[in-house]
C-alpha cells in the first residue's frame, strides 16, 4: 500500500496486489502484473504494459491505459479515458462524467457492448477501434 498527499507515485516491475492513493499527484505503473487499485484526487493515472486487473479512479485527471492484458474498471469525474488493450480477460467498465472515452481492443473477437450517455458520438466522445495487429 502506497499513499502520498502531494506527490506522484511511480511503480515499476512489481508483481502482486498493489493499492496506491495520491491526493495531489499522479499514479504511474509500468511493466507489472497483479491486481492494481489506483486512485488520485488531482492527478492522472497511467499504466503501461500491465497484466492483470486494473481499477483506476481520478477525481480531476485523465486515465491512460497502454497495452493492458487483463481487466479494466475505471472512472473519472472530469477527465478523459484512453485505453489500449493487448487482451481483455474478463471485461471493461469505463465511466467519465465530463470527458471522452477511447478504447482500442484486440481484433477478431466477439464483444458485447453496453454504451450509455447523454450524448454518444462515434468520435470523439466515444471511440472504439479494433486493432488486428495484437
N, C-alpha and C. Protein backbone atom coordinates (compact mmCIF):
# COMPACT_ATOMS: atom_id res chain seq x y z
N UNK A 1 0.85 -1.18 0.00
CA UNK A 1 0.00 0.00 0.00
C UNK A 1 0.89 1.23 0.00
N UNK A 2 0.56 2.17 -0.93
CA UNK A 2 1.32 3.40 -1.07
C UNK A 2 0.37 4.58 -0.96
N UNK A 3 0.80 5.64 -0.27
CA UNK A 3 -0.05 6.82 -0.12
C UNK A 3 0.83 8.06 -0.05
N UNK A 4 0.38 9.11 -0.77
CA UNK A 4 1.05 10.40 -0.67
C UNK A 4 0.00 11.50 -0.73
N UNK A 5 0.26 12.60 -0.03
CA UNK A 5 -0.67 13.72 -0.03
C UNK A 5 -0.41 14.72 -1.14
N UNK A 6 0.85 14.88 -1.54
CA UNK A 6 1.13 15.91 -2.55
C UNK A 6 2.24 15.50 -3.51
N UNK A 7 2.34 14.24 -3.81
CA UNK A 7 3.39 13.80 -4.72
C UNK A 7 2.92 12.72 -5.66
N UNK A 8 3.77 12.37 -6.59
CA UNK A 8 3.49 11.32 -7.55
C UNK A 8 3.90 9.97 -7.01
N UNK A 9 3.25 8.92 -7.49
CA UNK A 9 3.62 7.54 -7.17
C UNK A 9 4.01 6.85 -8.48
N UNK A 10 5.22 6.29 -8.52
CA UNK A 10 5.69 5.58 -9.70
C UNK A 10 6.05 4.15 -9.30
N UNK A 11 5.42 3.18 -9.96
CA UNK A 11 5.61 1.77 -9.66
C UNK A 11 6.14 1.10 -10.92
N UNK A 12 7.20 0.29 -10.77
CA UNK A 12 7.80 -0.38 -11.92
C UNK A 12 8.20 -1.80 -11.53
N UNK A 13 7.88 -2.75 -12.41
CA UNK A 13 8.32 -4.14 -12.27
C UNK A 13 7.90 -4.76 -10.93
N UNK A 14 6.60 -4.71 -10.66
CA UNK A 14 6.02 -5.26 -9.42
C UNK A 14 5.06 -6.39 -9.79
N UNK A 15 5.00 -7.42 -8.96
CA UNK A 15 4.00 -8.47 -9.09
C UNK A 15 3.26 -8.60 -7.77
N UNK A 16 1.92 -8.73 -7.85
CA UNK A 16 1.14 -8.91 -6.64
C UNK A 16 -0.01 -7.93 -6.56
N UNK A 17 -0.47 -7.70 -5.35
CA UNK A 17 -1.59 -6.80 -5.12
C UNK A 17 -1.05 -5.45 -4.66
N UNK A 18 -1.46 -4.38 -5.36
CA UNK A 18 -0.95 -3.04 -5.07
C UNK A 18 -2.13 -2.09 -4.91
N UNK A 19 -2.07 -1.27 -3.87
CA UNK A 19 -3.04 -0.20 -3.65
C UNK A 19 -2.25 1.09 -3.53
N UNK A 20 -2.54 2.05 -4.43
CA UNK A 20 -1.80 3.32 -4.44
C UNK A 20 -2.78 4.48 -4.46
N UNK A 21 -2.62 5.43 -3.52
CA UNK A 21 -3.50 6.59 -3.40
C UNK A 21 -2.65 7.86 -3.35
N UNK A 22 -3.03 8.84 -4.19
CA UNK A 22 -2.36 10.13 -4.18
C UNK A 22 -3.41 11.23 -4.14
N UNK A 23 -3.28 12.14 -3.19
CA UNK A 23 -4.24 13.24 -3.08
C UNK A 23 -3.93 14.34 -4.09
N UNK A 24 -2.65 14.58 -4.36
CA UNK A 24 -2.30 15.70 -5.23
C UNK A 24 -1.27 15.39 -6.27
N UNK A 25 -1.22 14.16 -6.74
CA UNK A 25 -0.24 13.80 -7.76
C UNK A 25 -0.74 12.67 -8.63
N UNK A 26 0.10 12.25 -9.53
CA UNK A 26 -0.24 11.19 -10.47
C UNK A 26 0.21 9.83 -9.95
N UNK A 27 -0.40 8.77 -10.50
CA UNK A 27 -0.02 7.39 -10.20
C UNK A 27 0.34 6.72 -11.51
N UNK A 28 1.54 6.13 -11.58
CA UNK A 28 2.06 5.55 -12.82
C UNK A 28 2.59 4.15 -12.52
N UNK A 29 2.09 3.14 -13.28
CA UNK A 29 2.53 1.76 -13.12
C UNK A 29 3.04 1.26 -14.47
N UNK A 30 4.25 0.70 -14.49
CA UNK A 30 4.81 0.15 -15.72
C UNK A 30 5.35 -1.25 -15.49
N UNK A 31 5.25 -2.06 -16.55
CA UNK A 31 5.86 -3.40 -16.62
C UNK A 31 5.61 -4.21 -15.35
N UNK A 32 4.33 -4.39 -14.99
CA UNK A 32 3.97 -5.05 -13.74
C UNK A 32 2.81 -6.01 -13.96
N UNK A 33 2.56 -6.87 -12.97
CA UNK A 33 1.48 -7.85 -13.06
C UNK A 33 0.81 -8.01 -11.70
N UNK A 34 -0.53 -8.19 -11.72
CA UNK A 34 -1.26 -8.41 -10.48
C UNK A 34 -2.57 -7.67 -10.45
N UNK A 35 -2.99 -7.31 -9.24
CA UNK A 35 -4.20 -6.53 -9.02
C UNK A 35 -3.79 -5.13 -8.57
N UNK A 36 -4.29 -4.13 -9.28
CA UNK A 36 -3.90 -2.76 -9.02
C UNK A 36 -5.13 -1.91 -8.73
N UNK A 37 -5.15 -1.28 -7.57
CA UNK A 37 -6.20 -0.36 -7.19
C UNK A 37 -5.54 1.01 -7.08
N UNK A 38 -5.78 1.87 -8.08
CA UNK A 38 -5.05 3.13 -8.22
C UNK A 38 -6.03 4.29 -8.14
N UNK A 39 -5.76 5.25 -7.24
CA UNK A 39 -6.66 6.40 -7.05
C UNK A 39 -5.85 7.67 -6.89
N UNK A 40 -6.42 8.74 -7.46
CA UNK A 40 -5.85 10.06 -7.26
C UNK A 40 -6.98 11.09 -7.26
N UNK A 41 -6.80 12.15 -6.49
CA UNK A 41 -7.80 13.21 -6.44
C UNK A 41 -7.52 14.23 -7.53
N UNK A 42 -6.30 14.71 -7.63
CA UNK A 42 -5.96 15.77 -8.58
C UNK A 42 -4.74 15.38 -9.40
N UNK A 43 -4.85 14.29 -10.12
CA UNK A 43 -3.75 13.84 -10.96
C UNK A 43 -4.21 12.81 -11.95
N UNK A 44 -3.29 12.35 -12.76
CA UNK A 44 -3.58 11.34 -13.77
C UNK A 44 -3.21 9.94 -13.26
N UNK A 45 -3.84 8.95 -13.85
CA UNK A 45 -3.46 7.55 -13.63
C UNK A 45 -3.01 6.99 -14.96
N UNK A 46 -1.83 6.36 -14.99
CA UNK A 46 -1.34 5.75 -16.22
C UNK A 46 -0.73 4.40 -15.91
N UNK A 47 -1.06 3.41 -16.76
CA UNK A 47 -0.38 2.12 -16.70
C UNK A 47 0.16 1.81 -18.08
N UNK A 48 1.31 1.16 -18.12
CA UNK A 48 1.94 0.75 -19.37
C UNK A 48 2.46 -0.67 -19.20
N UNK A 49 2.05 -1.56 -20.11
CA UNK A 49 2.50 -2.95 -20.11
C UNK A 49 2.19 -3.65 -18.79
N UNK A 50 0.92 -3.65 -18.42
CA UNK A 50 0.47 -4.28 -17.19
C UNK A 50 -0.38 -5.51 -17.54
N UNK A 51 -0.21 -6.58 -16.74
CA UNK A 51 -1.01 -7.80 -16.86
C UNK A 51 -1.80 -7.96 -15.57
N UNK A 52 -3.11 -8.22 -15.71
CA UNK A 52 -3.93 -8.44 -14.54
C UNK A 52 -5.14 -7.54 -14.51
N UNK A 53 -5.53 -7.15 -13.32
CA UNK A 53 -6.72 -6.31 -13.12
C UNK A 53 -6.31 -4.92 -12.69
N UNK A 54 -6.84 -3.91 -13.40
CA UNK A 54 -6.57 -2.52 -13.06
C UNK A 54 -7.89 -1.86 -12.70
N UNK A 55 -7.94 -1.30 -11.49
CA UNK A 55 -9.06 -0.48 -11.03
C UNK A 55 -8.48 0.90 -10.80
N UNK A 56 -8.98 1.88 -11.57
CA UNK A 56 -8.40 3.23 -11.52
C UNK A 56 -9.50 4.27 -11.35
N UNK A 57 -9.22 5.27 -10.51
CA UNK A 57 -10.19 6.35 -10.28
C UNK A 57 -9.42 7.65 -10.12
N UNK A 58 -9.96 8.71 -10.77
CA UNK A 58 -9.39 10.04 -10.63
C UNK A 58 -10.53 11.04 -10.54
N UNK A 59 -10.45 11.96 -9.59
CA UNK A 59 -11.49 12.98 -9.46
C UNK A 59 -11.34 14.05 -10.54
N UNK A 60 -10.11 14.47 -10.80
CA UNK A 60 -9.91 15.52 -11.81
C UNK A 60 -8.63 15.26 -12.60
N UNK A 61 -8.61 14.14 -13.28
CA UNK A 61 -7.45 13.81 -14.09
C UNK A 61 -7.81 12.77 -15.14
N UNK A 62 -6.88 12.51 -16.02
CA UNK A 62 -7.06 11.54 -17.09
C UNK A 62 -6.62 10.15 -16.64
N UNK A 63 -7.18 9.14 -17.29
CA UNK A 63 -6.77 7.75 -17.08
C UNK A 63 -6.26 7.24 -18.42
N UNK A 64 -4.97 6.87 -18.46
CA UNK A 64 -4.33 6.36 -19.68
C UNK A 64 -3.84 4.94 -19.42
N UNK A 65 -4.36 4.00 -20.17
CA UNK A 65 -4.01 2.59 -20.03
C UNK A 65 -3.39 2.15 -21.35
N UNK A 66 -2.14 1.74 -21.32
CA UNK A 66 -1.41 1.38 -22.54
C UNK A 66 -0.97 -0.08 -22.45
N UNK A 67 -1.41 -0.88 -23.42
CA UNK A 67 -1.03 -2.30 -23.53
C UNK A 67 -1.42 -3.11 -22.31
N UNK A 68 -2.69 -3.04 -21.94
CA UNK A 68 -3.20 -3.83 -20.82
C UNK A 68 -3.58 -5.22 -21.30
N UNK A 69 -3.14 -6.21 -20.59
CA UNK A 69 -3.51 -7.61 -20.81
C UNK A 69 -4.32 -8.01 -19.60
N UNK A 70 -5.64 -7.76 -19.62
CA UNK A 70 -6.43 -8.06 -18.45
C UNK A 70 -7.76 -7.37 -18.41
N UNK A 71 -8.17 -6.98 -17.20
CA UNK A 71 -9.47 -6.40 -16.92
C UNK A 71 -9.30 -4.96 -16.47
N UNK A 72 -10.23 -4.08 -16.89
CA UNK A 72 -10.17 -2.68 -16.52
C UNK A 72 -11.50 -2.23 -15.95
N UNK A 73 -11.45 -1.60 -14.79
CA UNK A 73 -12.59 -0.92 -14.19
C UNK A 73 -12.08 0.47 -13.83
N UNK A 74 -12.64 1.52 -14.48
CA UNK A 74 -12.10 2.86 -14.22
C UNK A 74 -13.19 3.92 -14.32
N UNK A 75 -12.95 5.03 -13.62
CA UNK A 75 -13.88 6.15 -13.64
C UNK A 75 -13.12 7.44 -13.35
N UNK A 76 -13.57 8.51 -13.98
CA UNK A 76 -13.03 9.83 -13.70
C UNK A 76 -14.18 10.84 -13.73
N UNK A 77 -14.12 11.82 -12.84
CA UNK A 77 -15.18 12.83 -12.78
C UNK A 77 -15.00 13.88 -13.86
N UNK A 78 -13.77 14.33 -14.07
CA UNK A 78 -13.54 15.36 -15.09
C UNK A 78 -12.22 15.10 -15.79
N UNK A 79 -12.21 14.07 -16.60
CA UNK A 79 -11.03 13.73 -17.36
C UNK A 79 -11.37 12.75 -18.46
N UNK A 80 -10.40 12.49 -19.31
CA UNK A 80 -10.55 11.55 -20.41
C UNK A 80 -10.05 10.16 -20.01
N UNK A 81 -10.57 9.15 -20.68
CA UNK A 81 -10.09 7.78 -20.52
C UNK A 81 -9.63 7.29 -21.88
N UNK A 82 -8.37 6.89 -21.96
CA UNK A 82 -7.80 6.31 -23.17
C UNK A 82 -7.20 4.96 -22.79
N UNK A 83 -7.64 3.89 -23.46
CA UNK A 83 -7.15 2.56 -23.11
C UNK A 83 -6.86 1.76 -24.37
N UNK A 84 -5.68 1.15 -24.40
CA UNK A 84 -5.26 0.25 -25.47
C UNK A 84 -5.04 -1.12 -24.84
N UNK A 85 -5.69 -2.14 -25.38
CA UNK A 85 -5.63 -3.49 -24.81
C UNK A 85 -4.83 -4.45 -25.69
N UNK A 86 -3.98 -5.25 -25.05
CA UNK A 86 -3.38 -6.40 -25.71
C UNK A 86 -4.39 -7.54 -25.74
N UNK A 87 -5.07 -7.74 -24.60
CA UNK A 87 -6.10 -8.76 -24.47
C UNK A 87 -7.06 -8.33 -23.36
N UNK A 88 -8.32 -8.72 -23.50
CA UNK A 88 -9.33 -8.45 -22.50
C UNK A 88 -9.69 -9.78 -21.86
N UNK A 89 -9.43 -9.93 -20.55
CA UNK A 89 -9.68 -11.22 -19.92
C UNK A 89 -11.10 -11.36 -19.40
N UNK A 90 -11.57 -10.43 -18.59
CA UNK A 90 -12.91 -10.55 -18.02
C UNK A 90 -13.86 -9.50 -18.58
N UNK A 91 -13.43 -8.26 -18.62
CA UNK A 91 -14.30 -7.21 -19.13
C UNK A 91 -13.72 -5.83 -18.93
N UNK A 92 -14.51 -4.84 -19.36
CA UNK A 92 -14.11 -3.44 -19.27
C UNK A 92 -15.30 -2.64 -18.77
N UNK A 93 -15.05 -1.78 -17.80
CA UNK A 93 -16.05 -0.79 -17.38
C UNK A 93 -15.31 0.54 -17.33
N UNK A 94 -15.75 1.49 -18.18
CA UNK A 94 -15.12 2.81 -18.23
C UNK A 94 -16.21 3.86 -18.11
N UNK A 95 -15.99 4.83 -17.21
CA UNK A 95 -17.01 5.84 -16.92
C UNK A 95 -16.34 7.19 -16.75
N UNK A 96 -16.87 8.20 -17.47
CA UNK A 96 -16.36 9.56 -17.33
C UNK A 96 -17.55 10.51 -17.25
N UNK A 97 -17.59 11.34 -16.21
CA UNK A 97 -18.70 12.28 -16.04
C UNK A 97 -18.62 13.42 -17.04
N UNK A 98 -17.43 13.90 -17.34
CA UNK A 98 -17.30 15.00 -18.30
C UNK A 98 -15.99 14.89 -19.07
N UNK A 99 -15.85 13.80 -19.81
CA UNK A 99 -14.66 13.59 -20.62
C UNK A 99 -14.93 12.56 -21.70
N UNK A 100 -13.95 12.39 -22.58
CA UNK A 100 -14.05 11.44 -23.67
C UNK A 100 -13.56 10.06 -23.23
N UNK A 101 -14.07 9.02 -23.90
CA UNK A 101 -13.61 7.66 -23.68
C UNK A 101 -13.16 7.09 -25.02
N UNK A 102 -11.93 6.59 -25.07
CA UNK A 102 -11.38 5.99 -26.28
C UNK A 102 -10.82 4.62 -25.92
N UNK A 103 -11.29 3.57 -26.60
CA UNK A 103 -10.83 2.21 -26.36
C UNK A 103 -10.29 1.62 -27.64
N UNK A 104 -9.14 0.96 -27.56
CA UNK A 104 -8.58 0.19 -28.68
C UNK A 104 -8.52 -1.25 -28.22
N UNK A 105 -9.32 -2.12 -28.87
CA UNK A 105 -9.47 -3.52 -28.46
C UNK A 105 -8.82 -4.45 -29.48
N UNK A 106 -8.36 -5.63 -29.02
CA UNK A 106 -7.82 -6.61 -29.96
C UNK A 106 -8.91 -7.02 -30.96
N UNK A 107 -8.53 -7.19 -32.22
CA UNK A 107 -9.48 -7.55 -33.27
C UNK A 107 -9.82 -9.03 -33.25
N UNK A 108 -10.73 -9.41 -34.16
CA UNK A 108 -11.13 -10.81 -34.35
C UNK A 108 -11.72 -11.43 -33.09
N UNK A 109 -12.47 -10.69 -32.34
CA UNK A 109 -13.12 -11.20 -31.14
C UNK A 109 -14.58 -10.79 -31.17
N UNK A 110 -15.40 -11.48 -30.40
CA UNK A 110 -16.79 -11.07 -30.25
C UNK A 110 -16.94 -10.27 -28.97
N UNK A 111 -17.44 -9.07 -29.07
CA UNK A 111 -17.63 -8.21 -27.91
C UNK A 111 -19.11 -7.87 -27.77
N UNK A 112 -19.56 -7.79 -26.56
CA UNK A 112 -20.90 -7.28 -26.26
C UNK A 112 -20.72 -5.91 -25.66
N UNK A 113 -21.30 -4.90 -26.28
CA UNK A 113 -21.12 -3.52 -25.84
C UNK A 113 -22.41 -2.99 -25.23
N UNK A 114 -22.27 -2.34 -24.10
CA UNK A 114 -23.38 -1.63 -23.46
C UNK A 114 -22.91 -0.20 -23.27
N UNK A 115 -23.38 0.70 -24.13
CA UNK A 115 -22.91 2.08 -24.14
C UNK A 115 -24.07 2.98 -23.75
N UNK A 116 -23.83 3.84 -22.75
CA UNK A 116 -24.85 4.77 -22.29
C UNK A 116 -24.26 6.16 -22.13
N UNK A 117 -25.10 7.16 -22.33
CA UNK A 117 -24.64 8.53 -22.12
C UNK A 117 -25.69 9.52 -22.56
N UNK A 118 -25.53 10.74 -22.12
CA UNK A 118 -26.46 11.79 -22.54
C UNK A 118 -26.21 12.18 -23.99
N UNK A 119 -24.98 12.00 -24.45
CA UNK A 119 -24.64 12.28 -25.85
C UNK A 119 -23.55 11.31 -26.26
N UNK A 120 -23.87 10.41 -27.17
CA UNK A 120 -22.90 9.42 -27.64
C UNK A 120 -22.65 9.67 -29.12
N UNK A 121 -21.41 9.96 -29.43
CA UNK A 121 -20.98 10.17 -30.81
C UNK A 121 -19.95 9.12 -31.16
N UNK A 122 -19.85 8.79 -32.40
CA UNK A 122 -18.86 7.80 -32.81
C UNK A 122 -17.44 8.32 -32.51
N UNK A 123 -17.24 9.61 -32.73
CA UNK A 123 -15.95 10.21 -32.44
C UNK A 123 -16.18 11.69 -32.25
N UNK A 124 -15.62 12.39 -31.32
CA UNK A 124 -14.61 11.96 -30.37
C UNK A 124 -15.15 11.55 -29.01
N UNK A 125 -16.43 11.73 -28.71
CA UNK A 125 -16.91 11.47 -27.35
C UNK A 125 -16.74 10.01 -26.95
N UNK A 126 -16.97 9.10 -27.87
CA UNK A 126 -16.78 7.68 -27.56
C UNK A 126 -16.23 7.01 -28.80
N UNK A 127 -15.11 6.37 -28.69
CA UNK A 127 -14.44 5.80 -29.85
C UNK A 127 -13.88 4.44 -29.49
N UNK A 128 -14.28 3.42 -30.26
CA UNK A 128 -13.71 2.09 -30.11
C UNK A 128 -13.11 1.70 -31.44
N UNK A 129 -11.86 1.28 -31.41
CA UNK A 129 -11.18 0.82 -32.62
C UNK A 129 -10.68 -0.58 -32.36
N UNK A 130 -10.81 -1.44 -33.33
CA UNK A 130 -10.32 -2.80 -33.20
C UNK A 130 -8.98 -2.90 -33.91
N UNK A 131 -7.98 -3.36 -33.19
CA UNK A 131 -6.62 -3.42 -33.71
C UNK A 131 -6.27 -4.86 -34.01
N UNK A 132 -6.19 -5.26 -35.30
CA UNK A 132 -5.91 -6.65 -35.65
C UNK A 132 -4.45 -7.06 -35.48
N UNK A 133 -3.57 -6.14 -35.10
CA UNK A 133 -2.15 -6.48 -35.03
C UNK A 133 -1.76 -7.20 -33.75
N UNK A 134 -2.64 -7.27 -32.74
CA UNK A 134 -2.29 -7.93 -31.49
C UNK A 134 -2.50 -9.41 -31.61
